[in-house]
Amino acid sequence: MHEGRPNTLDVHVDATDDRLIIRPVGEIDLSTSPTLRASLQTALSGGTCPVFVNLAAVPYMDSSGVATLVEALQICRRAKRDLSLVQLTDRVLSIFTISKLDTVFTICDDMNC
């Protein structure tokens, strides 16, 4: 968290007939991952269309954020839904690469994956 400002996370959910797009905005860490988790659980509670988590507006993510996304992936797999992570910043992508989770998640530059 950057000093001088509170760490908040906004999560925007856009559902269409053929896709669900989830756009977190802000840093995802121990204090904000519960917000993301609650939004994901609500958004994933029904439907079968592919899920895209757009991380373009997430400059930082710690292990609690990664764990939240792993949980979302498990929910999607149980429901036979595809989940893709899109537009990761270099800093966030490095977390998935170092942990080898880039082999578990579908990670794309845009939503055409």
PDB file of N, CA and C in Angstrom:
ATOM      1  N   MET A   1       0.851  -1.172   0.000  1.00  0.00           N
ATOM      2  CA  MET A   1       0.000   0.000   0.000  1.00  0.00           C
ATOM      3  C   MET A   1       0.894   1.231   0.000  1.00  0.00           C
ATOM      4  N   HIS A   2       0.472   2.221  -0.747  1.00  0.00           N
ATOM      5  CA  HIS A   2       1.228   3.470  -0.783  1.00  0.00           C
ATOM      6  C   HIS A   2       0.842   4.324   0.412  1.00  0.00           C
ATOM      7  N   GLU A   3       1.842   4.941   1.015  1.00  0.00           N
ATOM      8  CA  GLU A   3       1.559   5.778   2.175  1.00  0.00           C
ATOM      9  C   GLU A   3       0.771   7.009   1.753  1.00  0.00           C
ATOM     10  N   GLY A   4      -0.071   7.480   2.650  1.00  0.00           N
ATOM     11  CA  GLY A   4      -0.790   8.714   2.411  1.00  0.00           C
ATOM     12  C   GLY A   4      -2.173   8.523   1.814  1.00  0.00           C
ATOM     13  N   ARG A   5      -2.505   7.317   1.400  1.00  0.00           N
ATOM     14  CA  ARG A   5      -3.849   7.091   0.878  1.00  0.00           C
ATOM     15  C   ARG A   5      -4.324   5.707   1.306  1.00  0.00           C
ATOM     16  N   PRO A   6      -5.601   5.602   1.601  1.00  0.00           N
ATOM     17  CA  PRO A   6      -6.113   4.295   2.005  1.00  0.00           C
ATOM     18  C   PRO A   6      -6.124   3.352   0.808  1.00  0.00           C
ATOM     19  N   ASN A   7      -5.956   2.085   1.079  1.00  0.00           N
ATOM     20  CA  ASN A   7      -5.976   1.090   0.024  1.00  0.00           C
ATOM     21  C   ASN A   7      -7.408   0.623  -0.176  1.00  0.00           C
ATOM     22  N   THR A   8      -7.970   0.966  -1.318  1.00  0.00           N
ATOM     23  CA  THR A   8      -9.328   0.556  -1.634  1.00  0.00           C
ATOM     24  C   THR A   8      -9.319  -0.203  -2.952  1.00  0.00           C
ATOM     25  N   LEU A   9     -10.320  -1.017  -3.139  1.00  0.00           N
ATOM     26  CA  LEU A   9     -10.455  -1.779  -4.364  1.00  0.00           C
ATOM     27  C   LEU A   9     -11.893  -1.659  -4.837  1.00  0.00           C
ATOM     28  N   ASP A  10     -12.054  -1.250  -6.080  1.00  0.00           N
ATOM     29  CA  ASP A  10     -13.366  -1.246  -6.716  1.00  0.00           C
ATOM     30  C   ASP A  10     -13.395  -2.412  -7.688  1.00  0.00           C
ATOM     31  N   VAL A  11     -14.511  -3.098  -7.755  1.00  0.00           N
ATOM     32  CA  VAL A  11     -14.641  -4.226  -8.675  1.00  0.00           C
ATOM     33  C   VAL A  11     -15.864  -3.970  -9.550  1.00  0.00           C
ATOM     34  N   HIS A  12     -15.611  -3.851 -10.846  1.00  0.00           N
ATOM     35  CA  HIS A  12     -16.681  -3.619 -11.813  1.00  0.00           C
ATOM     36  C   HIS A  12     -16.998  -4.944 -12.502  1.00  0.00           C
ATOM     37  N   VAL A  13     -18.276  -5.261 -12.592  1.00  0.00           N
ATOM     38  CA  VAL A  13     -18.711  -6.507 -13.212  1.00  0.00           C
ATOM     39  C   VAL A  13     -19.630  -6.158 -14.377  1.00  0.00           C
ATOM     40  N   ASP A  14     -19.260  -6.639 -15.568  1.00  0.00           N
ATOM     41  CA  ASP A  14     -20.068  -6.433 -16.769  1.00  0.00           C
ATOM     42  C   ASP A  14     -20.451  -7.796 -17.320  1.00  0.00           C
ATOM     43  N   ALA A  15     -21.740  -8.066 -17.349  1.00  0.00           N
ATOM     44  CA  ALA A  15     -22.213  -9.354 -17.856  1.00  0.00           C
ATOM     45  C   ALA A  15     -22.959  -9.136 -19.163  1.00  0.00           C
ATOM     46  N   THR A  16     -22.605  -9.928 -20.165  1.00  0.00           N
ATOM     47  CA  THR A  16     -23.337  -9.947 -21.418  1.00  0.00           C
ATOM     48  C   THR A  16     -23.805 -11.377 -21.634  1.00  0.00           C
ATOM     49  N   ASP A  17     -24.464 -11.610 -22.750  1.00  0.00           N
ATOM     50  CA  ASP A  17     -24.958 -12.966 -23.029  1.00  0.00           C
ATOM     51  C   ASP A  17     -23.821 -13.955 -23.238  1.00  0.00           C
ATOM     52  N   ASP A  18     -22.665 -13.465 -23.714  1.00  0.00           N
ATOM     53  CA  ASP A  18     -21.605 -14.403 -24.077  1.00  0.00           C
ATOM     54  C   ASP A  18     -20.339 -14.292 -23.252  1.00  0.00           C
ATOM     55  N   ARG A  19     -20.285 -13.375 -22.261  1.00  0.00           N
ATOM     56  CA  ARG A  19     -19.097 -13.293 -21.417  1.00  0.00           C
ATOM     57  C   ARG A  19     -19.377 -12.495 -20.149  1.00  0.00           C
ATOM     58  N   LEU A  20     -18.564 -12.787 -19.149  1.00  0.00           N
ATOM     59  CA  LEU A  20     -18.609 -12.066 -17.882  1.00  0.00           C
ATOM     60  C   LEU A  20     -17.239 -11.423 -17.716  1.00  0.00           C
ATOM     61  N   ILE A  21     -17.221 -10.102 -17.576  1.00  0.00           N
ATOM     62  CA  ILE A  21     -15.964  -9.381 -17.432  1.00  0.00           C
ATOM     63  C   ILE A  21     -15.910  -8.774 -16.036  1.00  0.00           C
ATOM     64  N   ILE A  22     -14.851  -9.089 -15.310  1.00  0.00           N
ATOM     65  CA  ILE A  22     -14.657  -8.578 -13.959  1.00  0.00           C
ATOM     66  C   ILE A  22     -13.409  -7.700 -13.988  1.00  0.00           C
ATOM     67  N   ARG A  23     -13.570  -6.432 -13.577  1.00  0.00           N
ATOM     68  CA  ARG A  23     -12.471  -5.473 -13.640  1.00  0.00           C
ATOM     69  C   ARG A  23     -12.182  -4.898 -12.250  1.00  0.00           C
ATOM     70  N   PRO A  24     -11.238  -5.475 -11.534  1.00  0.00           N
ATOM     71  CA  PRO A  24     -10.815  -4.855 -10.271  1.00  0.00           C
ATOM     72  C   PRO A  24      -9.972  -3.613 -10.573  1.00  0.00           C
ATOM     73  N   VAL A  25     -10.136  -2.595  -9.755  1.00  0.00           N
ATOM     74  CA  VAL A  25      -9.375  -1.357  -9.911  1.00  0.00           C
ATOM     75  C   VAL A  25      -8.739  -1.029  -8.571  1.00  0.00           C
ATOM     76  N   GLY A  26      -7.413  -1.129  -8.513  1.00  0.00           N
ATOM     77  CA  GLY A  26      -6.679  -0.844  -7.290  1.00  0.00           C
ATOM     78  C   GLY A  26      -5.758  -1.995  -6.939  1.00  0.00           C
ATOM     79  N   GLU A  27      -5.056  -1.836  -5.844  1.00  0.00           N
ATOM     80  CA  GLU A  27      -4.132  -2.867  -5.388  1.00  0.00           C
ATOM     81  C   GLU A  27      -4.903  -3.997  -4.705  1.00  0.00           C
ATOM     82  N   ILE A  28      -4.460  -5.218  -4.954  1.00  0.00           N
ATOM     83  CA  ILE A  28      -5.102  -6.378  -4.328  1.00  0.00           C
ATOM     84  C   ILE A  28      -4.119  -6.964  -3.330  1.00  0.00           C
ATOM     85  N   ASP A  29      -4.455  -6.811  -2.058  1.00  0.00           N
ATOM     86  CA  ASP A  29      -3.602  -7.320  -0.988  1.00  0.00           C
ATOM     87  C   ASP A  29      -4.485  -7.874   0.121  1.00  0.00           C
ATOM     88  N   LEU A  30      -3.879  -8.146   1.255  1.00  0.00           N
ATOM     89  CA  LEU A  30      -4.611  -8.774   2.356  1.00  0.00           C
ATOM     90  C   LEU A  30      -5.836  -7.965   2.777  1.00  0.00           C
ATOM     91  N   SER A  31      -5.745  -6.640   2.694  1.00  0.00           N
ATOM     92  CA  SER A  31      -6.875  -5.807   3.138  1.00  0.00           C
ATOM     93  C   SER A  31      -7.972  -5.690   2.089  1.00  0.00           C
ATOM     94  N   THR A  32      -7.649  -5.890   0.811  1.00  0.00           N
ATOM     95  CA  THR A  32      -8.652  -5.718  -0.242  1.00  0.00           C
ATOM     96  C   THR A  32      -9.090  -7.025  -0.902  1.00  0.00           C
ATOM     97  N   SER A  33      -8.352  -8.096  -0.701  1.00  0.00           N
ATOM     98  CA  SER A  33      -8.737  -9.354  -1.354  1.00  0.00           C
ATOM     99  C   SER A  33     -10.123  -9.848  -0.923  1.00  0.00           C
ATOM    100  N   PRO A  34     -10.584  -9.600   0.316  1.00  0.00           N
ATOM    101  CA  PRO A  34     -11.959 -10.007   0.637  1.00  0.00           C
ATOM    102  C   PRO A  34     -13.015  -9.316  -0.238  1.00  0.00           C
ATOM    103  N   THR A  35     -12.755  -8.074  -0.642  1.00  0.00           N
ATOM    104  CA  THR A  35     -13.669  -7.370  -1.547  1.00  0.00           C
ATOM    105  C   THR A  35     -13.721  -8.076  -2.886  1.00  0.00           C
ATOM    106  N   LEU A  36     -12.547  -8.445  -3.411  1.00  0.00           N
ATOM    107  CA  LEU A  36     -12.493  -9.164  -4.680  1.00  0.00           C
ATOM    108  C   LEU A  36     -13.159 -10.524  -4.542  1.00  0.00           C
ATOM    109  N   ARG A  37     -12.874 -11.234  -3.473  1.00  0.00           N
ATOM    110  CA  ARG A  37     -13.454 -12.565  -3.257  1.00  0.00           C
ATOM    111  C   ARG A  37     -14.983 -12.493  -3.244  1.00  0.00           C
ATOM    112  N   ALA A  38     -15.547 -11.549  -2.522  1.00  0.00           N
ATOM    113  CA  ALA A  38     -17.005 -11.414  -2.438  1.00  0.00           C
ATOM    114  C   ALA A  38     -17.596 -11.084  -3.810  1.00  0.00           C
ATOM    115  N   SER A  39     -16.941 -10.193  -4.542  1.00  0.00           N
ATOM    116  CA  SER A  39     -17.435  -9.831  -5.876  1.00  0.00           C
ATOM    117  C   SER A  39     -17.376 -11.013  -6.824  1.00  0.00           C
ATOM    118  N   LEU A  40     -16.289 -11.768  -6.776  1.00  0.00           N
ATOM    119  CA  LEU A  40     -16.158 -12.941  -7.640  1.00  0.00           C
ATOM    120  C   LEU A  40     -17.194 -14.005  -7.297  1.00  0.00           C
ATOM    121  N   GLN A  41     -17.379 -14.267  -6.015  1.00  0.00           N
ATOM    122  CA  GLN A  41     -18.347 -15.294  -5.614  1.00  0.00           C
ATOM    123  C   GLN A  41     -19.753 -14.930  -6.077  1.00  0.00           C
ATOM    124  N   THR A  42     -20.108 -13.656  -5.951  1.00  0.00           N
ATOM    125  CA  THR A  42     -21.429 -13.209  -6.404  1.00  0.00           C
ATOM    126  C   THR A  42     -21.546 -13.330  -7.917  1.00  0.00           C
ATOM    127  N   ALA A  43     -20.535 -12.847  -8.623  1.00  0.00           N
ATOM    128  CA  ALA A  43     -20.575 -12.857 -10.083  1.00  0.00           C
ATOM    129  C   ALA A  43     -20.572 -14.266 -10.658  1.00  0.00           C
ATOM    130  N   LEU A  44     -19.906 -15.188  -9.983  1.00  0.00           N
ATOM    131  CA  LEU A  44     -19.775 -16.549 -10.494  1.00  0.00           C
ATOM    132  C   LEU A  44     -20.878 -17.492 -10.020  1.00  0.00           C
ATOM    133  N   SER A  45     -21.835 -16.953  -9.286  1.00  0.00           N
ATOM    134  CA  SER A  45     -22.856 -17.815  -8.680  1.00  0.00           C
ATOM    135  C   SER A  45     -23.810 -18.438  -9.684  1.00  0.00           C
ATOM    136  N   GLY A  46     -23.851 -17.949 -10.884  1.00  0.00           N
ATOM    137  CA  GLY A  46     -24.716 -18.539 -11.897  1.00  0.00           C
ATOM    138  C   GLY A  46     -24.137 -18.289 -13.272  1.00  0.00           C
ATOM    139  N   GLY A  47     -24.668 -18.967 -14.243  1.00  0.00           N
ATOM    140  CA  GLY A  47     -24.228 -18.753 -15.614  1.00  0.00           C
ATOM    141  C   GLY A  47     -23.202 -19.760 -16.072  1.00  0.00           C
ATOM    142  N   THR A  48     -22.985 -19.760 -17.365  1.00  0.00           N
ATOM    143  CA  THR A  48     -22.057 -20.702 -17.961  1.00  0.00           C
ATOM    144  C   THR A  48     -21.089 -20.034 -18.931  1.00  0.00           C
ATOM    145  N   CYS A  49     -21.249 -18.744 -19.174  1.00  0.00           N
ATOM    146  CA  CYS A  49     -20.412 -18.069 -20.162  1.00  0.00           C
ATOM    147  C   CYS A  49     -18.976 -17.916 -19.644  1.00  0.00           C
ATOM    148  N   PRO A  50     -18.023 -17.733 -20.555  1.00  0.00           N
ATOM    149  CA  PRO A  50     -16.630 -17.545 -20.148  1.00  0.00           C
ATOM    150  C   PRO A  50     -16.455 -16.318 -19.253  1.00  0.00           C
ATOM    151  N   VAL A  51     -15.466 -16.396 -18.365  1.00  0.00           N
ATOM    152  CA  VAL A  51     -15.182 -15.330 -17.414  1.00  0.00           C
ATOM    153  C   VAL A  51     -13.819 -14.731 -17.752  1.00  0.00           C
ATOM    154  N   PHE A  52     -13.777 -13.411 -17.819  1.00  0.00           N
ATOM    155  CA  PHE A  52     -12.532 -12.691 -18.056  1.00  0.00           C
ATOM    156  C   PHE A  52     -12.289 -11.773 -16.866  1.00  0.00           C
ATOM    157  N   VAL A  53     -11.135 -11.914 -16.229  1.00  0.00           N
ATOM    158  CA  VAL A  53     -10.751 -11.007 -15.149  1.00  0.00           C
ATOM    159  C   VAL A  53      -9.704 -10.074 -15.733  1.00  0.00           C
ATOM    160  N   ASN A  54     -10.111  -8.824 -15.948  1.00  0.00           N
ATOM    161  CA  ASN A  54      -9.238  -7.828 -16.565  1.00  0.00           C
ATOM    162  C   ASN A  54      -8.451  -7.145 -15.449  1.00  0.00           C
ATOM    163  N   LEU A  55      -7.137  -7.356 -15.450  1.00  0.00           N
ATOM    164  CA  LEU A  55      -6.284  -6.843 -14.374  1.00  0.00           C
ATOM    165  C   LEU A  55      -5.455  -5.633 -14.802  1.00  0.00           C
ATOM    166  N   ALA A  56      -5.894  -4.942 -15.852  1.00  0.00           N
ATOM    167  CA  ALA A  56      -5.145  -3.790 -16.366  1.00  0.00           C
ATOM    168  C   ALA A  56      -5.003  -2.677 -15.327  1.00  0.00           C
ATOM    169  N   ALA A  57      -5.986  -2.538 -14.448  1.00  0.00           N
ATOM    170  CA  ALA A  57      -5.980  -1.457 -13.460  1.00  0.00           C
ATOM    171  C   ALA A  57      -5.531  -1.939 -12.083  1.00  0.00           C
ATOM    172  N   VAL A  58      -4.775  -3.045 -12.061  1.00  0.00           N
ATOM    173  CA  VAL A  58      -4.252  -3.585 -10.802  1.00  0.00           C
ATOM    174  C   VAL A  58      -2.724  -3.471 -10.853  1.00  0.00           C
ATOM    175  N   PRO A  59      -2.180  -2.449 -10.183  1.00  0.00           N
ATOM    176  CA  PRO A  59      -0.729  -2.255 -10.233  1.00  0.00           C
ATOM    177  C   PRO A  59       0.053  -3.198  -9.328  1.00  0.00           C
ATOM    178  N   TYR A  60      -0.624  -3.779  -8.329  1.00  0.00           N
ATOM    179  CA  TYR A  60       0.062  -4.624  -7.352  1.00  0.00           C
ATOM    180  C   TYR A  60      -0.891  -5.700  -6.865  1.00  0.00           C
ATOM    181  N   MET A  61      -0.360  -6.911  -6.669  1.00  0.00           N
ATOM    182  CA  MET A  61      -1.135  -8.005  -6.103  1.00  0.00           C
ATOM    183  C   MET A  61      -0.209  -8.846  -5.241  1.00  0.00           C
ATOM    184  N   ASP A  62      -0.674  -9.207  -4.048  1.00  0.00           N
ATOM    185  CA  ASP A  62       0.129 -10.093  -3.204  1.00  0.00           C
ATOM    186  C   ASP A  62      -0.465 -11.502  -3.247  1.00  0.00           C
ATOM    187  N   SER A  63       0.056 -12.378  -2.397  1.00  0.00           N
ATOM    188  CA  SER A  63      -0.362 -13.784  -2.428  1.00  0.00           C
ATOM    189  C   SER A  63      -1.832 -13.971  -2.076  1.00  0.00           C
ATOM    190  N   SER A  64      -2.409 -13.070  -1.291  1.00  0.00           N
ATOM    191  CA  SER A  64      -3.828 -13.217  -0.970  1.00  0.00           C
ATOM    192  C   SER A  64      -4.686 -12.955  -2.209  1.00  0.00           C
ATOM    193  N   GLY A  65      -4.257 -12.052  -3.061  1.00  0.00           N
ATOM    194  CA  GLY A  65      -4.957 -11.810  -4.324  1.00  0.00           C
ATOM    195  C   GLY A  65      -4.841 -12.999  -5.253  1.00  0.00           C
ATOM    196  N   VAL A  66      -3.654 -13.577  -5.316  1.00  0.00           N
ATOM    197  CA  VAL A  66      -3.436 -14.763  -6.138  1.00  0.00           C
ATOM    198  C   VAL A  66      -4.325 -15.904  -5.634  1.00  0.00           C
ATOM    199  N   ALA A  67      -4.368 -16.090  -4.328  1.00  0.00           N
ATOM    200  CA  ALA A  67      -5.203 -17.149  -3.744  1.00  0.00           C
ATOM    201  C   ALA A  67      -6.677 -16.933  -4.083  1.00  0.00           C
ATOM    202  N   THR A  68      -7.115 -15.695  -4.093  1.00  0.00           N
ATOM    203  CA  THR A  68      -8.497 -15.376  -4.443  1.00  0.00           C
ATOM    204  C   THR A  68      -8.790 -15.764  -5.890  1.00  0.00           C
ATOM    205  N   LEU A  69      -7.843 -15.501  -6.780  1.00  0.00           N
ATOM    206  CA  LEU A  69      -8.034 -15.862  -8.183  1.00  0.00           C
ATOM    207  C   LEU A  69      -7.975 -17.378  -8.384  1.00  0.00           C
ATOM    208  N   VAL A  70      -7.151 -18.069  -7.612  1.00  0.00           N
ATOM    209  CA  VAL A  70      -7.108 -19.534  -7.676  1.00  0.00           C
ATOM    210  C   VAL A  70      -8.462 -20.095  -7.235  1.00  0.00           C
ATOM    211  N   GLU A  71      -9.028 -19.518  -6.194  1.00  0.00           N
ATOM    212  CA  GLU A  71     -10.353 -19.948  -5.729  1.00  0.00           C
ATOM    213  C   GLU A  71     -11.401 -19.734  -6.823  1.00  0.00           C
ATOM    214  N   ALA A  72     -11.336 -18.590  -7.502  1.00  0.00           N
ATOM    215  CA  ALA A  72     -12.282 -18.309  -8.589  1.00  0.00           C
ATOM    216  C   ALA A  72     -12.109 -19.312  -9.728  1.00  0.00           C
ATOM    217  N   LEU A  73     -10.872 -19.662 -10.022  1.00  0.00           N
ATOM    218  CA  LEU A  73     -10.608 -20.655 -11.067  1.00  0.00           C
ATOM    219  C   LEU A  73     -11.222 -22.001 -10.688  1.00  0.00           C
ATOM    220  N   GLN A  74     -11.104 -22.386  -9.428  1.00  0.00           N
ATOM    221  CA  GLN A  74     -11.686 -23.648  -8.967  1.00  0.00           C
ATOM    222  C   GLN A  74     -13.209 -23.631  -9.086  1.00  0.00           C
ATOM    223  N   ILE A  75     -13.822 -22.498  -8.733  1.00  0.00           N
ATOM    224  CA  ILE A  75     -15.280 -22.361  -8.866  1.00  0.00           C
ATOM    225  C   ILE A  75     -15.675 -22.522 -10.327  1.00  0.00           C
ATOM    226  N   CYS A  76     -14.931 -21.880 -11.216  1.00  0.00           N
ATOM    227  CA  CYS A  76     -15.240 -21.967 -12.645  1.00  0.00           C
ATOM    228  C   CYS A  76     -15.051 -23.385 -13.169  1.00  0.00           C
ATOM    229  N   ARG A  77     -14.005 -24.035 -12.766  1.00  0.00           N
ATOM    230  CA  ARG A  77     -13.763 -25.402 -13.248  1.00  0.00           C
ATOM    231  C   ARG A  77     -14.867 -26.347 -12.800  1.00  0.00           C
ATOM    232  N   ARG A  78     -15.323 -26.193 -11.556  1.00  0.00           N
ATOM    233  CA  ARG A  78     -16.426 -27.036 -11.069  1.00  0.00           C
ATOM    234  C   ARG A  78     -17.695 -26.801 -11.897  1.00  0.00           C
ATOM    235  N   ALA A  79     -17.882 -25.564 -12.352  1.00  0.00           N
ATOM    236  CA  ALA A  79     -19.062 -25.213 -13.144  1.00  0.00           C
ATOM    237  C   ALA A  79     -18.819 -25.381 -14.643  1.00  0.00           C
ATOM    238  N   LYS A  80     -17.642 -25.907 -15.001  1.00  0.00           N
ATOM    239  CA  LYS A  80     -17.263 -26.103 -16.407  1.00  0.00           C
ATOM    240  C   LYS A  80     -17.275 -24.782 -17.187  1.00  0.00           C
ATOM    241  N   ARG A  81     -16.774 -23.742 -16.540  1.00  0.00           N
ATOM    242  CA  ARG A  81     -16.658 -22.423 -17.165  1.00  0.00           C
ATOM    243  C   ARG A  81     -15.186 -22.116 -17.384  1.00  0.00           C
ATOM    244  N   ASP A  82     -14.897 -21.394 -18.462  1.00  0.00           N
ATOM    245  CA  ASP A  82     -13.535 -20.942 -18.716  1.00  0.00           C
ATOM    246  C   ASP A  82     -13.291 -19.647 -17.959  1.00  0.00           C
ATOM    247  N   LEU A  83     -12.090 -19.505 -17.393  1.00  0.00           N
ATOM    248  CA  LEU A  83     -11.685 -18.270 -16.738  1.00  0.00           C
ATOM    249  C   LEU A  83     -10.341 -17.859 -17.318  1.00  0.00           C
ATOM    250  N   SER A  84     -10.259 -16.615 -17.781  1.00  0.00           N
ATOM    251  CA  SER A  84      -9.016 -16.086 -18.331  1.00  0.00           C
ATOM    252  C   SER A  84      -8.650 -14.802 -17.602  1.00  0.00           C
ATOM    253  N   LEU A  85      -7.347 -14.622 -17.400  1.00  0.00           N
ATOM    254  CA  LEU A  85      -6.829 -13.375 -16.854  1.00  0.00           C
ATOM    255  C   LEU A  85      -6.309 -12.570 -18.036  1.00  0.00           C
ATOM    256  N   VAL A  86      -6.714 -11.304 -18.126  1.00  0.00           N
ATOM    257  CA  VAL A  86      -6.318 -10.495 -19.276  1.00  0.00           C
ATOM    258  C   VAL A  86      -5.698  -9.177 -18.845  1.00  0.00           C
ATOM    259  N   GLN A  87      -4.820  -8.679 -19.703  1.00  0.00           N
ATOM    260  CA  GLN A  87      -4.179  -7.379 -19.564  1.00  0.00           C
ATOM    261  C   GLN A  87      -3.473  -7.193 -18.226  1.00  0.00           C
ATOM    262  N   LEU A  88      -2.674  -8.181 -17.848  1.00  0.00           N
ATOM    263  CA  LEU A  88      -1.915  -8.073 -16.606  1.00  0.00           C
ATOM    264  C   LEU A  88      -0.775  -7.074 -16.774  1.00  0.00           C
ATOM    265  N   THR A  89      -0.554  -6.270 -15.749  1.00  0.00           N
ATOM    266  CA  THR A  89       0.611  -5.399 -15.754  1.00  0.00           C
ATOM    267  C   THR A  89       1.855  -6.276 -15.597  1.00  0.00           C
ATOM    268  N   ASP A  90       3.003  -5.758 -15.969  1.00  0.00           N
ATOM    269  CA  ASP A  90       4.237  -6.542 -15.869  1.00  0.00           C
ATOM    270  C   ASP A  90       4.480  -7.027 -14.443  1.00  0.00           C
ATOM    271  N   ARG A  91       4.213  -6.158 -13.478  1.00  0.00           N
ATOM    272  CA  ARG A  91       4.452  -6.512 -12.076  1.00  0.00           C
ATOM    273  C   ARG A  91       3.558  -7.666 -11.628  1.00  0.00           C
ATOM    274  N   VAL A  92       2.300  -7.618 -12.019  1.00  0.00           N
ATOM    275  CA  VAL A  92       1.367  -8.680 -11.634  1.00  0.00           C
ATOM    276  C   VAL A  92       1.671  -9.956 -12.419  1.00  0.00           C
ATOM    277  N   LEU A  93       1.976  -9.825 -13.690  1.00  0.00           N
ATOM    278  CA  LEU A  93       2.319 -11.000 -14.495  1.00  0.00           C
ATOM    279  C   LEU A  93       3.527 -11.733 -13.919  1.00  0.00           C
ATOM    280  N   SER A  94       4.490 -10.983 -13.402  1.00  0.00           N
ATOM    281  CA  SER A  94       5.694 -11.617 -12.853  1.00  0.00           C
ATOM    282  C   SER A  94       5.351 -12.519 -11.669  1.00  0.00           C
ATOM    283  N   ILE A  95       4.344 -12.170 -10.890  1.00  0.00           N
ATOM    284  CA  ILE A  95       3.919 -13.009  -9.760  1.00  0.00           C
ATOM    285  C   ILE A  95       3.436 -14.363 -10.273  1.00  0.00           C
ATOM    286  N   PHE A  96       2.654 -14.353 -11.337  1.00  0.00           N
ATOM    287  CA  PHE A  96       2.131 -15.595 -11.897  1.00  0.00           C
ATOM    288  C   PHE A  96       3.236 -16.405 -12.569  1.00  0.00           C
ATOM    289  N   THR A  97       4.191 -15.717 -13.166  1.00  0.00           N
ATOM    290  CA  THR A  97       5.298 -16.406 -13.834  1.00  0.00           C
ATOM    291  C   THR A  97       6.230 -17.056 -12.817  1.00  0.00           C
ATOM    292  N   ILE A  98       6.618 -16.304 -11.795  1.00  0.00           N
ATOM    293  CA  ILE A  98       7.535 -16.818 -10.775  1.00  0.00           C
ATOM    294  C   ILE A  98       6.932 -18.014 -10.043  1.00  0.00           C
ATOM    295  N   SER A  99       5.636 -17.944  -9.774  1.00  0.00           N
ATOM    296  CA  SER A  99       4.966 -19.030  -9.047  1.00  0.00           C
ATOM    297  C   SER A  99       4.528 -20.169  -9.964  1.00  0.00           C
ATOM    298  N   LYS A 100       4.814 -20.039 -11.251  1.00  0.00           N
ATOM    299  CA  LYS A 100       4.445 -21.044 -12.262  1.00  0.00           C
ATOM    300  C   LYS A 100       2.930 -21.151 -12.457  1.00  0.00           C
ATOM    301  N   LEU A 101       2.174 -20.193 -11.937  1.00  0.00           N
ATOM    302  CA  LEU A 101       0.724 -20.213 -12.133  1.00  0.00           C
ATOM    303  C   LEU A 101       0.339 -19.777 -13.538  1.00  0.00           C
ATOM    304  N   ASP A 102       1.306 -19.285 -14.304  1.00  0.00           N
ATOM    305  CA  ASP A 102       1.025 -18.961 -15.697  1.00  0.00           C
ATOM    306  C   ASP A 102       0.776 -20.235 -16.505  1.00  0.00           C
ATOM    307  N   THR A 103       1.108 -21.390 -15.925  1.00  0.00           N
ATOM    308  CA  THR A 103       0.812 -22.669 -16.580  1.00  0.00           C
ATOM    309  C   THR A 103      -0.550 -23.219 -16.153  1.00  0.00           C
ATOM    310  N   VAL A 104      -1.141 -22.614 -15.127  1.00  0.00           N
ATOM    311  CA  VAL A 104      -2.440 -23.049 -14.610  1.00  0.00           C
ATOM    312  C   VAL A 104      -3.563 -22.177 -15.165  1.00  0.00           C
ATOM    313  N   PHE A 105      -3.320 -20.872 -15.211  1.00  0.00           N
ATOM    314  CA  PHE A 105      -4.297 -19.906 -15.708  1.00  0.00           C
ATOM    315  C   PHE A 105      -4.113 -19.681 -17.203  1.00  0.00           C
ATOM    316  N   THR A 106      -5.200 -19.346 -17.868  1.00  0.00           N
ATOM    317  CA  THR A 106      -5.118 -18.807 -19.220  1.00  0.00           C
ATOM    318  C   THR A 106      -4.875 -17.314 -19.063  1.00  0.00           C
ATOM    319  N   ILE A 107      -3.742 -16.838 -19.571  1.00  0.00           N
ATOM    320  CA  ILE A 107      -3.368 -15.429 -19.452  1.00  0.00           C
ATOM    321  C   ILE A 107      -3.226 -14.866 -20.853  1.00  0.00           C
ATOM    322  N   CYS A 108      -3.952 -13.769 -21.115  1.00  0.00           N
ATOM    323  CA  CYS A 108      -4.003 -13.207 -22.459  1.00  0.00           C
ATOM    324  C   CYS A 108      -3.763 -11.697 -22.425  1.00  0.00           C
ATOM    325  N   ASP A 109      -3.325 -11.180 -23.577  1.00  0.00           N
ATOM    326  CA  ASP A 109      -3.114  -9.742 -23.700  1.00  0.00           C
ATOM    327  C   ASP A 109      -4.438  -8.990 -23.862  1.00  0.00           C
ATOM    328  N   ASP A 110      -5.451  -9.668 -24.402  1.00  0.00           N
ATOM    329  CA  ASP A 110      -6.759  -9.033 -24.593  1.00  0.00           C
ATOM    330  C   ASP A 110      -7.841 -10.099 -24.445  1.00  0.00           C
ATOM    331  N   MET A 111      -9.080  -9.721 -24.669  1.00  0.00           N
ATOM    332  CA  MET A 111     -10.175 -10.665 -24.433  1.00  0.00           C
ATOM    333  C   MET A 111     -10.497 -11.499 -25.660  1.00  0.00           C
ATOM    334  N   ASN A 112      -9.574 -11.621 -26.578  1.00  0.00           N
ATOM    335  CA  ASN A 112      -9.770 -12.469 -27.751  1.00  0.00           C
ATOM    336  C   ASN A 112      -9.057 -13.802 -27.589  1.00  0.00           C
ATOM    337  N   CYS A 113      -9.005 -14.304 -26.359  1.00  0.00           N
ATOM    338  CA  CYS A 113      -8.299 -15.569 -26.158  1.00  0.00           C
ATOM    339  C   CYS A 113      -9.258 -16.710 -25.917  1.00  0.00           C
TER     340      CYS A 113
END
